Amino acid sequence: MKRTSTIAAAIGLSLALAACGGKGDDKLGEQVQEAAENKADKMDAMADNMSGTAEDMMQANADATREAGDAKEEAIDDADVNADALTPAERAKIVNGN
């Protein structure tokens, strides 16, 4: 549920920023996707130390995290976000999903 809220907030922020008519920056979307990939890699490593249902659940979470990162990247790219107009704090919030 928290992950869904974070994704919705990031997409909403991306769409709101798109209304400003700024030029897009694919780097921001790539950073978001890379952050999700790194998080998913950590989950995969944790799953390697588990077995049974716990391992399966952790791997499913890793897969969902990767998919969410891909969706965020696509939403940011489609929204044509002007990343140069964002403050460092705003960029960090989008990338880290906080």
PDB file of N, CA and C in Angstrom:
ATOM      1  N   MET A   1       0.831  -1.183   0.000  1.00  0.00           N
ATOM      2  CA  MET A   1       0.000   0.000   0.000  1.00  0.00           C
ATOM      3  C   MET A   1       0.880   1.253   0.000  1.00  0.00           C
ATOM      4  N   LYS A   2       1.913   1.251   0.847  1.00  0.00           N
ATOM      5  CA  LYS A   2       2.811   2.398   0.908  1.00  0.00           C
ATOM      6  C   LYS A   2       3.518   2.579  -0.430  1.00  0.00           C
ATOM      7  N   ARG A   3       3.923   1.475  -1.045  1.00  0.00           N
ATOM      8  CA  ARG A   3       4.609   1.527  -2.331  1.00  0.00           C
ATOM      9  C   ARG A   3       3.685   2.114  -3.395  1.00  0.00           C
ATOM     10  N   THR A   4       2.417   1.715  -3.361  1.00  0.00           N
ATOM     11  CA  THR A   4       1.450   2.216  -4.321  1.00  0.00           C
ATOM     12  C   THR A   4       1.255   3.717  -4.138  1.00  0.00           C
ATOM     13  N   SER A   5       1.191   4.161  -2.894  1.00  0.00           N
ATOM     14  CA  SER A   5       1.039   5.590  -2.623  1.00  0.00           C
ATOM     15  C   SER A   5       2.248   6.372  -3.114  1.00  0.00           C
ATOM     16  N   THR A   6       3.430   5.816  -2.910  1.00  0.00           N
ATOM     17  CA  THR A   6       4.655   6.478  -3.349  1.00  0.00           C
ATOM     18  C   THR A   6       4.678   6.593  -4.866  1.00  0.00           C
ATOM     19  N   ILE A   7       4.299   5.528  -5.540  1.00  0.00           N
ATOM     20  CA  ILE A   7       4.268   5.541  -7.002  1.00  0.00           C
ATOM     21  C   ILE A   7       3.264   6.571  -7.500  1.00  0.00           C
ATOM     22  N   ALA A   8       2.086   6.578  -6.884  1.00  0.00           N
ATOM     23  CA  ALA A   8       1.057   7.530  -7.299  1.00  0.00           C
ATOM     24  C   ALA A   8       1.520   8.961  -7.073  1.00  0.00           C
ATOM     25  N   ALA A   9       2.195   9.210  -5.956  1.00  0.00           N
ATOM     26  CA  ALA A   9       2.688  10.558  -5.668  1.00  0.00           C
ATOM     27  C   ALA A   9       3.742  10.980  -6.687  1.00  0.00           C
ATOM     28  N   ALA A  10       4.647  10.080  -7.017  1.00  0.00           N
ATOM     29  CA  ALA A  10       5.693  10.402  -7.988  1.00  0.00           C
ATOM     30  C   ALA A  10       5.095  10.679  -9.363  1.00  0.00           C
ATOM     31  N   ILE A  11       4.123   9.883  -9.747  1.00  0.00           N
ATOM     32  CA  ILE A  11       3.477  10.085 -11.041  1.00  0.00           C
ATOM     33  C   ILE A  11       2.697  11.395 -11.033  1.00  0.00           C
ATOM     34  N   GLY A  12       2.000  11.650  -9.932  1.00  0.00           N
ATOM     35  CA  GLY A  12       1.249  12.900  -9.816  1.00  0.00           C
ATOM     36  C   GLY A  12       2.152  14.104  -9.880  1.00  0.00           C
ATOM     37  N   LEU A  13       3.282  14.043  -9.170  1.00  0.00           N
ATOM     38  CA  LEU A  13       4.249  15.135  -9.201  1.00  0.00           C
ATOM     39  C   LEU A  13       4.794  15.312 -10.604  1.00  0.00           C
ATOM     40  N   SER A  14       5.076  14.210 -11.265  1.00  0.00           N
ATOM     41  CA  SER A  14       5.594  14.274 -12.627  1.00  0.00           C
ATOM     42  C   SER A  14       4.591  14.933 -13.569  1.00  0.00           C
ATOM     43  N   LEU A  15       3.336  14.560 -13.428  1.00  0.00           N
ATOM     44  CA  LEU A  15       2.317  15.131 -14.298  1.00  0.00           C
ATOM     45  C   LEU A  15       2.092  16.606 -13.979  1.00  0.00           C
ATOM     46  N   ALA A  16       2.156  16.961 -12.714  1.00  0.00           N
ATOM     47  CA  ALA A  16       1.993  18.359 -12.341  1.00  0.00           C
ATOM     48  C   ALA A  16       3.128  19.199 -12.909  1.00  0.00           C
ATOM     49  N   LEU A  17       4.320  18.669 -12.862  1.00  0.00           N
ATOM     50  CA  LEU A  17       5.465  19.394 -13.410  1.00  0.00           C
ATOM     51  C   LEU A  17       5.383  19.511 -14.929  1.00  0.00           C
ATOM     52  N   ALA A  18       4.753  18.551 -15.554  1.00  0.00           N
ATOM     53  CA  ALA A  18       4.621  18.585 -17.011  1.00  0.00           C
ATOM     54  C   ALA A  18       3.759  19.759 -17.459  1.00  0.00           C
ATOM     55  N   ALA A  19       2.834  20.169 -16.619  1.00  0.00           N
ATOM     56  CA  ALA A  19       1.965  21.282 -16.963  1.00  0.00           C
ATOM     57  C   ALA A  19       2.743  22.585 -17.093  1.00  0.00           C
ATOM     58  N   CYS A  20       3.931  22.629 -16.520  1.00  0.00           N
ATOM     59  CA  CYS A  20       4.762  23.827 -16.603  1.00  0.00           C
ATOM     60  C   CYS A  20       5.370  24.001 -17.995  1.00  0.00           C
ATOM     61  N   GLY A  21       5.290  22.996 -18.825  1.00  0.00           N
ATOM     62  CA  GLY A  21       5.798  23.092 -20.186  1.00  0.00           C
ATOM     63  C   GLY A  21       7.306  23.021 -20.277  1.00  0.00           C
ATOM     64  N   GLY A  22       7.946  22.449 -19.270  1.00  0.00           N
ATOM     65  CA  GLY A  22       9.403  22.375 -19.266  1.00  0.00           C
ATOM     66  C   GLY A  22       9.915  21.329 -20.229  1.00  0.00           C
ATOM     67  N   LYS A  23      11.206  21.388 -20.456  1.00  0.00           N
ATOM     68  CA  LYS A  23      11.841  20.388 -21.307  1.00  0.00           C
ATOM     69  C   LYS A  23      12.166  19.168 -20.461  1.00  0.00           C
ATOM     70  N   GLY A  24      12.003  18.004 -21.052  1.00  0.00           N
ATOM     71  CA  GLY A  24      12.223  16.765 -20.325  1.00  0.00           C
ATOM     72  C   GLY A  24      13.688  16.466 -20.101  1.00  0.00           C
ATOM     73  N   ASP A  25      13.935  15.687 -19.102  1.00  0.00           N
ATOM     74  CA  ASP A  25      15.286  15.249 -18.799  1.00  0.00           C
ATOM     75  C   ASP A  25      15.220  13.752 -18.521  1.00  0.00           C
ATOM     76  N   ASP A  26      15.644  12.960 -19.496  1.00  0.00           N
ATOM     77  CA  ASP A  26      15.592  11.515 -19.342  1.00  0.00           C
ATOM     78  C   ASP A  26      16.473  11.022 -18.208  1.00  0.00           C
ATOM     79  N   LYS A  27      17.460  11.816 -17.822  1.00  0.00           N
ATOM     80  CA  LYS A  27      18.357  11.402 -16.744  1.00  0.00           C
ATOM     81  C   LYS A  27      17.602  11.204 -15.442  1.00  0.00           C
ATOM     82  N   LEU A  28      16.613  12.043 -15.162  1.00  0.00           N
ATOM     83  CA  LEU A  28      15.847  11.914 -13.932  1.00  0.00           C
ATOM     84  C   LEU A  28      15.099  10.580 -13.921  1.00  0.00           C
ATOM     85  N   GLY A  29      14.460  10.243 -15.013  1.00  0.00           N
ATOM     86  CA  GLY A  29      13.756   8.966 -15.101  1.00  0.00           C
ATOM     87  C   GLY A  29      14.708   7.792 -14.947  1.00  0.00           C
ATOM     88  N   GLU A  30      15.888   7.918 -15.548  1.00  0.00           N
ATOM     89  CA  GLU A  30      16.886   6.854 -15.437  1.00  0.00           C
ATOM     90  C   GLU A  30      17.374   6.712 -14.002  1.00  0.00           C
ATOM     91  N   GLN A  31      17.518   7.834 -13.288  1.00  0.00           N
ATOM     92  CA  GLN A  31      17.948   7.780 -11.895  1.00  0.00           C
ATOM     93  C   GLN A  31      16.902   7.093 -11.024  1.00  0.00           C
ATOM     94  N   VAL A  32      15.635   7.371 -11.303  1.00  0.00           N
ATOM     95  CA  VAL A  32      14.547   6.733 -10.554  1.00  0.00           C
ATOM     96  C   VAL A  32      14.570   5.229 -10.797  1.00  0.00           C
ATOM     97  N   GLN A  33      14.714   4.843 -12.054  1.00  0.00           N
ATOM     98  CA  GLN A  33      14.732   3.418 -12.400  1.00  0.00           C
ATOM     99  C   GLN A  33      15.939   2.736 -11.774  1.00  0.00           C
ATOM    100  N   GLU A  34      17.080   3.393 -11.793  1.00  0.00           N
ATOM    101  CA  GLU A  34      18.298   2.814 -11.226  1.00  0.00           C
ATOM    102  C   GLU A  34      18.180   2.646  -9.714  1.00  0.00           C
ATOM    103  N   ALA A  35      17.558   3.618  -9.047  1.00  0.00           N
ATOM    104  CA  ALA A  35      17.358   3.503  -7.594  1.00  0.00           C
ATOM    105  C   ALA A  35      16.473   2.298  -7.271  1.00  0.00           C
ATOM    106  N   ALA A  36      15.428   2.096  -8.070  1.00  0.00           N
ATOM    107  CA  ALA A  36      14.554   0.945  -7.860  1.00  0.00           C
ATOM    108  C   ALA A  36      15.305  -0.357  -8.132  1.00  0.00           C
ATOM    109  N   GLU A  37      16.122  -0.357  -9.160  1.00  0.00           N
ATOM    110  CA  GLU A  37      16.915  -1.548  -9.495  1.00  0.00           C
ATOM    111  C   GLU A  37      17.879  -1.902  -8.357  1.00  0.00           C
ATOM    112  N   ASN A  38      18.526  -0.882  -7.790  1.00  0.00           N
ATOM    113  CA  ASN A  38      19.442  -1.123  -6.671  1.00  0.00           C
ATOM    114  C   ASN A  38      18.715  -1.696  -5.464  1.00  0.00           C
ATOM    115  N   LYS A  39      17.535  -1.154  -5.186  1.00  0.00           N
ATOM    116  CA  LYS A  39      16.733  -1.657  -4.069  1.00  0.00           C
ATOM    117  C   LYS A  39      16.331  -3.114  -4.328  1.00  0.00           C
ATOM    118  N   ALA A  40      15.927  -3.410  -5.562  1.00  0.00           N
ATOM    119  CA  ALA A  40      15.521  -4.769  -5.912  1.00  0.00           C
ATOM    120  C   ALA A  40      16.703  -5.735  -5.829  1.00  0.00           C
ATOM    121  N   ASP A  41      17.886  -5.278  -6.217  1.00  0.00           N
ATOM    122  CA  ASP A  41      19.077  -6.126  -6.107  1.00  0.00           C
ATOM    123  C   ASP A  41      19.358  -6.498  -4.653  1.00  0.00           C
ATOM    124  N   LYS A  42      19.163  -5.543  -3.746  1.00  0.00           N
ATOM    125  CA  LYS A  42      19.343  -5.837  -2.316  1.00  0.00           C
ATOM    126  C   LYS A  42      18.324  -6.865  -1.839  1.00  0.00           C
ATOM    127  N   MET A  43      17.099  -6.743  -2.338  1.00  0.00           N
ATOM    128  CA  MET A  43      16.068  -7.723  -1.983  1.00  0.00           C
ATOM    129  C   MET A  43      16.428  -9.105  -2.504  1.00  0.00           C
ATOM    130  N   ASP A  44      16.966  -9.167  -3.724  1.00  0.00           N
ATOM    131  CA  ASP A  44      17.395 -10.454  -4.282  1.00  0.00           C
ATOM    132  C   ASP A  44      18.491 -11.073  -3.419  1.00  0.00           C
ATOM    133  N   ALA A  45      19.421 -10.240  -2.960  1.00  0.00           N
ATOM    134  CA  ALA A  45      20.506 -10.737  -2.107  1.00  0.00           C
ATOM    135  C   ALA A  45      19.948 -11.269  -0.786  1.00  0.00           C
ATOM    136  N   MET A  46      18.957 -10.579  -0.245  1.00  0.00           N
ATOM    137  CA  MET A  46      18.334 -11.050   0.997  1.00  0.00           C
ATOM    138  C   MET A  46      17.593 -12.362   0.751  1.00  0.00           C
ATOM    139  N   ALA A  47      16.945 -12.467  -0.402  1.00  0.00           N
ATOM    140  CA  ALA A  47      16.203 -13.685  -0.735  1.00  0.00           C
ATOM    141  C   ALA A  47      17.142 -14.884  -0.844  1.00  0.00           C
ATOM    142  N   ASP A  48      18.378 -14.635  -1.276  1.00  0.00           N
ATOM    143  CA  ASP A  48      19.355 -15.720  -1.384  1.00  0.00           C
ATOM    144  C   ASP A  48      19.661 -16.351  -0.032  1.00  0.00           C
ATOM    145  N   ASN A  49      19.420 -15.602   1.042  1.00  0.00           N
ATOM    146  CA  ASN A  49      19.673 -16.111   2.391  1.00  0.00           C
ATOM    147  C   ASN A  49      18.415 -16.668   3.040  1.00  0.00           C
ATOM    148  N   MET A  50      17.352 -16.784   2.282  1.00  0.00           N
ATOM    149  CA  MET A  50      16.075 -17.292   2.784  1.00  0.00           C
ATOM    150  C   MET A  50      15.732 -18.580   2.059  1.00  0.00           C
ATOM    151  N   SER A  51      14.647 -19.179   2.488  1.00  0.00           N
ATOM    152  CA  SER A  51      14.157 -20.369   1.793  1.00  0.00           C
ATOM    153  C   SER A  51      12.638 -20.408   1.868  1.00  0.00           C
ATOM    154  N   GLY A  52      12.072 -21.230   1.032  1.00  0.00           N
ATOM    155  CA  GLY A  52      10.628 -21.447   1.054  1.00  0.00           C
ATOM    156  C   GLY A  52       9.821 -20.219   0.697  1.00  0.00           C
ATOM    157  N   THR A  53       8.723 -20.048   1.428  1.00  0.00           N
ATOM    158  CA  THR A  53       7.787 -18.965   1.166  1.00  0.00           C
ATOM    159  C   THR A  53       8.427 -17.594   1.354  1.00  0.00           C
ATOM    160  N   ALA A  54       9.267 -17.445   2.374  1.00  0.00           N
ATOM    161  CA  ALA A  54       9.925 -16.160   2.621  1.00  0.00           C
ATOM    162  C   ALA A  54      10.774 -15.755   1.427  1.00  0.00           C
ATOM    163  N   GLU A  55      11.504 -16.707   0.865  1.00  0.00           N
ATOM    164  CA  GLU A  55      12.332 -16.427  -0.314  1.00  0.00           C
ATOM    165  C   GLU A  55      11.465 -16.019  -1.497  1.00  0.00           C
ATOM    166  N   ASP A  56      10.383 -16.758  -1.705  1.00  0.00           N
ATOM    167  CA  ASP A  56       9.482 -16.454  -2.821  1.00  0.00           C
ATOM    168  C   ASP A  56       8.873 -15.066  -2.680  1.00  0.00           C
ATOM    169  N   MET A  57       8.481 -14.715  -1.461  1.00  0.00           N
ATOM    170  CA  MET A  57       7.882 -13.406  -1.225  1.00  0.00           C
ATOM    171  C   MET A  57       8.894 -12.277  -1.446  1.00  0.00           C
ATOM    172  N   MET A  58      10.120 -12.484  -1.007  1.00  0.00           N
ATOM    173  CA  MET A  58      11.148 -11.463  -1.176  1.00  0.00           C
ATOM    174  C   MET A  58      11.465 -11.277  -2.657  1.00  0.00           C
ATOM    175  N   GLN A  59      11.522 -12.370  -3.400  1.00  0.00           N
ATOM    176  CA  GLN A  59      11.778 -12.264  -4.839  1.00  0.00           C
ATOM    177  C   GLN A  59      10.617 -11.578  -5.553  1.00  0.00           C
ATOM    178  N   ALA A  60       9.393 -11.854  -5.107  1.00  0.00           N
ATOM    179  CA  ALA A  60       8.229 -11.184  -5.689  1.00  0.00           C
ATOM    180  C   ALA A  60       8.279  -9.688  -5.400  1.00  0.00           C
ATOM    181  N   ASN A  61       8.700  -9.322  -4.186  1.00  0.00           N
ATOM    182  CA  ASN A  61       8.845  -7.905  -3.849  1.00  0.00           C
ATOM    183  C   ASN A  61       9.914  -7.241  -4.716  1.00  0.00           C
ATOM    184  N   ALA A  62      11.000  -7.953  -4.958  1.00  0.00           N
ATOM    185  CA  ALA A  62      12.066  -7.421  -5.807  1.00  0.00           C
ATOM    186  C   ALA A  62      11.541  -7.186  -7.227  1.00  0.00           C
ATOM    187  N   ASP A  63      10.791  -8.148  -7.738  1.00  0.00           N
ATOM    188  CA  ASP A  63      10.217  -8.011  -9.081  1.00  0.00           C
ATOM    189  C   ASP A  63       9.252  -6.827  -9.144  1.00  0.00           C
ATOM    190  N   ALA A  64       8.424  -6.676  -8.112  1.00  0.00           N
ATOM    191  CA  ALA A  64       7.464  -5.569  -8.068  1.00  0.00           C
ATOM    192  C   ALA A  64       8.191  -4.223  -7.987  1.00  0.00           C
ATOM    193  N   THR A  65       9.302  -4.195  -7.261  1.00  0.00           N
ATOM    194  CA  THR A  65      10.083  -2.963  -7.143  1.00  0.00           C
ATOM    195  C   THR A  65      10.678  -2.578  -8.489  1.00  0.00           C
ATOM    196  N   ARG A  66      11.176  -3.566  -9.221  1.00  0.00           N
ATOM    197  CA  ARG A  66      11.714  -3.283 -10.557  1.00  0.00           C
ATOM    198  C   ARG A  66      10.620  -2.755 -11.495  1.00  0.00           C
ATOM    199  N   GLU A  67       9.462  -3.389 -11.447  1.00  0.00           N
ATOM    200  CA  GLU A  67       8.354  -2.965 -12.299  1.00  0.00           C
ATOM    201  C   GLU A  67       7.902  -1.550 -11.943  1.00  0.00           C
ATOM    202  N   ALA A  68       7.865  -1.235 -10.653  1.00  0.00           N
ATOM    203  CA  ALA A  68       7.477   0.105 -10.219  1.00  0.00           C
ATOM    204  C   ALA A  68       8.502   1.130 -10.691  1.00  0.00           C
ATOM    205  N   GLY A  69       9.775   0.783 -10.630  1.00  0.00           N
ATOM    206  CA  GLY A  69      10.824   1.683 -11.106  1.00  0.00           C
ATOM    207  C   GLY A  69      10.696   1.947 -12.596  1.00  0.00           C
ATOM    208  N   ASP A  70      10.400   0.899 -13.347  1.00  0.00           N
ATOM    209  CA  ASP A  70      10.210   1.060 -14.791  1.00  0.00           C
ATOM    210  C   ASP A  70       9.005   1.949 -15.084  1.00  0.00           C
ATOM    211  N   ALA A  71       7.919   1.755 -14.322  1.00  0.00           N
ATOM    212  CA  ALA A  71       6.710   2.553 -14.521  1.00  0.00           C
ATOM    213  C   ALA A  71       6.969   4.021 -14.183  1.00  0.00           C
ATOM    214  N   LYS A  72       7.707   4.263 -13.102  1.00  0.00           N
ATOM    215  CA  LYS A  72       8.032   5.645 -12.733  1.00  0.00           C
ATOM    216  C   LYS A  72       8.892   6.304 -13.806  1.00  0.00           C
ATOM    217  N   GLU A  73       9.876   5.561 -14.298  1.00  0.00           N
ATOM    218  CA  GLU A  73      10.745   6.112 -15.347  1.00  0.00           C
ATOM    219  C   GLU A  73       9.917   6.506 -16.560  1.00  0.00           C
ATOM    220  N   GLU A  74       9.022   5.622 -16.959  1.00  0.00           N
ATOM    221  CA  GLU A  74       8.192   5.895 -18.125  1.00  0.00           C
ATOM    222  C   GLU A  74       7.283   7.096 -17.881  1.00  0.00           C
ATOM    223  N   ALA A  75       6.710   7.196 -16.694  1.00  0.00           N
ATOM    224  CA  ALA A  75       5.822   8.318 -16.378  1.00  0.00           C
ATOM    225  C   ALA A  75       6.588   9.638 -16.398  1.00  0.00           C
ATOM    226  N   ILE A  76       7.786   9.630 -15.855  1.00  0.00           N
ATOM    227  CA  ILE A  76       8.597  10.846 -15.849  1.00  0.00           C
ATOM    228  C   ILE A  76       8.977  11.239 -17.272  1.00  0.00           C
ATOM    229  N   ASP A  77       9.398  10.275 -18.057  1.00  0.00           N
ATOM    230  CA  ASP A  77       9.767  10.557 -19.444  1.00  0.00           C
ATOM    231  C   ASP A  77       8.564  11.055 -20.252  1.00  0.00           C
ATOM    232  N   ASP A  78       7.408  10.417 -20.051  1.00  0.00           N
ATOM    233  CA  ASP A  78       6.206  10.827 -20.769  1.00  0.00           C
ATOM    234  C   ASP A  78       5.736  12.217 -20.343  1.00  0.00           C
ATOM    235  N   ALA A  79       5.973  12.569 -19.075  1.00  0.00           N
ATOM    236  CA  ALA A  79       5.526  13.850 -18.554  1.00  0.00           C
ATOM    237  C   ALA A  79       6.419  15.002 -19.015  1.00  0.00           C
ATOM    238  N   ASP A  80       7.570  14.693 -19.565  1.00  0.00           N
ATOM    239  CA  ASP A  80       8.495  15.716 -20.057  1.00  0.00           C
ATOM    240  C   ASP A  80       8.878  16.678 -18.935  1.00  0.00           C
ATOM    241  N   VAL A  81       9.305  16.113 -17.814  1.00  0.00           N
ATOM    242  CA  VAL A  81       9.671  16.884 -16.629  1.00  0.00           C
ATOM    243  C   VAL A  81      10.914  17.723 -16.904  1.00  0.00           C
ATOM    244  N   ASN A  82      10.877  18.968 -16.483  1.00  0.00           N
ATOM    245  CA  ASN A  82      12.040  19.843 -16.584  1.00  0.00           C
ATOM    246  C   ASN A  82      12.854  19.659 -15.306  1.00  0.00           C
ATOM    247  N   ALA A  83      13.731  18.701 -15.304  1.00  0.00           N
ATOM    248  CA  ALA A  83      14.505  18.378 -14.111  1.00  0.00           C
ATOM    249  C   ALA A  83      15.427  19.507 -13.695  1.00  0.00           C
ATOM    250  N   ASP A  84      15.836  20.335 -14.637  1.00  0.00           N
ATOM    251  CA  ASP A  84      16.704  21.455 -14.304  1.00  0.00           C
ATOM    252  C   ASP A  84      15.993  22.484 -13.429  1.00  0.00           C
ATOM    253  N   ALA A  85      14.660  22.527 -13.503  1.00  0.00           N
ATOM    254  CA  ALA A  85      13.891  23.486 -12.709  1.00  0.00           C
ATOM    255  C   ALA A  85      13.633  22.978 -11.293  1.00  0.00           C
ATOM    256  N   LEU A  86      13.925  21.716 -11.039  1.00  0.00           N
ATOM    257  CA  LEU A  86      13.706  21.139  -9.715  1.00  0.00           C
ATOM    258  C   LEU A  86      14.862  21.478  -8.783  1.00  0.00           C
ATOM    259  N   THR A  87      14.537  21.623  -7.510  1.00  0.00           N
ATOM    260  CA  THR A  87      15.587  21.794  -6.513  1.00  0.00           C
ATOM    261  C   THR A  87      16.228  20.433  -6.270  1.00  0.00           C
ATOM    262  N   PRO A  88      17.417  20.398  -5.720  1.00  0.00           N
ATOM    263  CA  PRO A  88      18.032  19.106  -5.390  1.00  0.00           C
ATOM    264  C   PRO A  88      17.151  18.266  -4.471  1.00  0.00           C
ATOM    265  N   ALA A  89      16.473  18.907  -3.548  1.00  0.00           N
ATOM    266  CA  ALA A  89      15.589  18.176  -2.633  1.00  0.00           C
ATOM    267  C   ALA A  89      14.415  17.549  -3.385  1.00  0.00           C
ATOM    268  N   GLU A  90      13.853  18.277  -4.356  1.00  0.00           N
ATOM    269  CA  GLU A  90      12.746  17.740  -5.142  1.00  0.00           C
ATOM    270  C   GLU A  90      13.205  16.565  -5.993  1.00  0.00           C
ATOM    271  N   ARG A  91      14.399  16.703  -6.604  1.00  0.00           N
ATOM    272  CA  ARG A  91      14.928  15.584  -7.405  1.00  0.00           C
ATOM    273  C   ARG A  91      15.164  14.364  -6.528  1.00  0.00           C
ATOM    274  N   ALA A  92      15.751  14.582  -5.353  1.00  0.00           N
ATOM    275  CA  ALA A  92      16.015  13.456  -4.443  1.00  0.00           C
ATOM    276  C   ALA A  92      14.724  12.787  -4.012  1.00  0.00           C
ATOM    277  N   LYS A  93      13.686  13.585  -3.798  1.00  0.00           N
ATOM    278  CA  LYS A  93      12.390  13.024  -3.380  1.00  0.00           C
ATOM    279  C   LYS A  93      11.815  12.143  -4.482  1.00  0.00           C
ATOM    280  N   ILE A  94      11.947  12.584  -5.716  1.00  0.00           N
ATOM    281  CA  ILE A  94      11.435  11.782  -6.834  1.00  0.00           C
ATOM    282  C   ILE A  94      12.258  10.511  -7.005  1.00  0.00           C
ATOM    283  N   VAL A  95      13.562  10.643  -6.967  1.00  0.00           N
ATOM    284  CA  VAL A  95      14.442   9.490  -7.176  1.00  0.00           C
ATOM    285  C   VAL A  95      14.291   8.460  -6.062  1.00  0.00           C
ATOM    286  N   ASN A  96      14.243   8.933  -4.824  1.00  0.00           N
ATOM    287  CA  ASN A  96      14.190   8.013  -3.683  1.00  0.00           C
ATOM    288  C   ASN A  96      12.785   7.594  -3.306  1.00  0.00           C
ATOM    289  N   GLY A  97      11.780   8.220  -3.905  1.00  0.00           N
ATOM    290  CA  GLY A  97      10.405   7.846  -3.604  1.00  0.00           C
ATOM    291  C   GLY A  97       9.960   8.210  -2.212  1.00  0.00           C
ATOM    292  N   ASN A  98      10.564   9.204  -1.627  1.00  0.00           N
ATOM    293  CA  ASN A  98      10.184   9.626  -0.269  1.00  0.00           C
ATOM    294  C   ASN A  98       9.082  10.650  -0.294  1.00  0.00           C
TER     295      ASN A  98
END
